[in-house]
Amino acid sequence: MERIRIVSSTIEEALESLPPWVQCVLAPVMAVISHLGTLTAIFAFIIILFQLKVVYINGKIKDNELRVKKTELKLKLLQYEKECIPSDELI
């Protein structure tokens, strides 16, 4: 953090030594550059949220697939029991 302050103060000193017309041209550019860290953090946060949403959705899909497989296996087991075990043995 200290490095950023040193660099930004050095850049400001360098800008002050430039002619006024150059300062007018570079001022908007410097404003954007000074906010790049904030913009990067915002974009990173958005990307992280998107990734978490994708992981959550993929987890839900996987969970639903496992539920379907579990239900299918239960149905197969019931069919097997009906076919293989005579009804009088069940009582």
Protein backbone atom coordinates (compact mmCIF):
# COMPACT_ATOMS: atom_id res chain seq x y z
CA MET A 1 0.00 0.00 0.00
CA GLU A 2 2.88 2.30 0.81
CA ARG A 3 4.39 1.66 -2.62
CA ILE A 4 1.16 2.76 -4.30
CA ARG A 5 1.21 6.02 -2.32
CA ILE A 6 4.83 6.67 -3.27
CA VAL A 7 4.17 5.96 -6.94
CA SER A 8 1.02 8.09 -7.02
CA SER A 9 2.75 11.02 -5.30
CA THR A 10 5.66 10.71 -7.74
CA ILE A 11 3.26 10.75 -10.68
CA GLU A 12 1.46 13.80 -9.27
CA GLU A 13 4.78 15.63 -8.87
CA ALA A 14 5.73 14.73 -12.44
CA LEU A 15 2.38 15.98 -13.73
CA GLU A 16 2.76 19.29 -11.92
CA SER A 17 6.03 19.93 -13.74
CA LEU A 18 4.36 19.51 -17.16
CA PRO A 19 2.87 22.39 -19.16
CA PRO A 20 -0.81 23.17 -18.40
CA TRP A 21 -2.14 21.92 -21.74
CA VAL A 22 -0.47 18.53 -21.17
CA GLN A 23 -1.94 18.42 -17.66
CA CYS A 24 -5.42 19.03 -19.12
CA VAL A 25 -4.97 16.16 -21.57
CA LEU A 26 -3.54 13.74 -19.01
CA ALA A 27 -5.89 14.57 -16.12
CA PRO A 28 -8.75 12.29 -17.31
CA VAL A 29 -6.29 9.52 -18.09
CA MET A 30 -4.76 9.79 -14.63
CA ALA A 31 -8.22 9.77 -13.03
CA VAL A 32 -9.03 6.49 -14.78
CA ILE A 33 -5.66 5.02 -13.84
CA SER A 34 -6.12 6.00 -10.20
CA HIS A 35 -9.44 4.14 -10.13
CA LEU A 36 -8.17 0.99 -11.87
CA GLY A 37 -7.57 -0.76 -8.56
CA THR A 38 -11.15 -0.13 -7.50
CA LEU A 39 -12.52 -1.20 -10.88
CA THR A 40 -10.39 -4.34 -10.82
CA ALA A 41 -11.70 -5.21 -7.36
CA ILE A 42 -15.30 -4.69 -8.49
CA PHE A 43 -14.83 -6.87 -11.58
CA ALA A 44 -13.09 -9.55 -9.53
CA PHE A 45 -15.98 -9.53 -7.04
CA ILE A 46 -18.52 -9.88 -9.87
CA ILE A 47 -16.55 -12.75 -11.41
CA ILE A 48 -16.31 -14.50 -8.04
CA LEU A 49 -20.07 -14.15 -7.52
CA PHE A 50 -20.71 -15.54 -10.99
CA GLN A 51 -18.41 -18.50 -10.34
CA LEU A 52 -20.13 -19.21 -7.03
CA LYS A 53 -23.50 -19.11 -8.77
CA VAL A 54 -22.26 -21.55 -11.42
CA VAL A 55 -20.89 -23.89 -8.74
CA TYR A 56 -24.19 -23.67 -6.82
CA ILE A 57 -26.26 -24.40 -9.94
CA ASN A 58 -23.97 -27.29 -10.95
CA GLY A 59 -24.25 -28.68 -7.43
CA LYS A 60 -28.03 -28.49 -7.58
CA ILE A 61 -28.05 -30.24 -10.95
CA LYS A 62 -25.74 -32.97 -9.64
CA ASP A 63 -27.93 -33.35 -6.53
CA ASN A 64 -31.03 -33.71 -8.69
CA GLU A 65 -29.29 -36.28 -10.91
CA LEU A 66 -28.36 -38.32 -7.83
CA ARG A 67 -31.96 -38.16 -6.58
CA VAL A 68 -33.22 -39.43 -9.93
CA LYS A 69 -30.70 -42.30 -9.90
CA LYS A 70 -31.68 -43.17 -6.32
CA THR A 71 -35.35 -43.24 -7.28
CA GLU A 72 -34.61 -45.38 -10.34
CA LEU A 73 -32.66 -47.84 -8.18
CA LYS A 74 -35.54 -48.03 -5.68
CA LEU A 75 -37.96 -48.78 -8.51
CA LYS A 76 -35.67 -51.50 -9.87
CA LEU A 77 -35.39 -53.00 -6.39
CA LEU A 78 -39.18 -53.03 -5.99
CA GLN A 79 -39.58 -54.67 -9.40
CA TYR A 80 -36.95 -57.26 -8.50
CA GLU A 81 -38.68 -58.01 -5.21
CA LYS A 82 -42.03 -58.41 -6.98
CA GLU A 83 -40.56 -60.73 -9.63
CA CYS A 84 -38.27 -62.84 -7.46
CA ILE A 85 -40.11 -63.21 -4.17
CA PRO A 86 -43.44 -65.06 -4.27
CA SER A 87 -46.30 -63.12 -2.73
CA ASP A 88 -47.00 -65.75 -0.01
CA GLU A 89 -43.39 -65.42 1.26
CA LEU A 90 -43.85 -61.69 1.82
CA ILE A 91 -46.51 -62.33 4.49
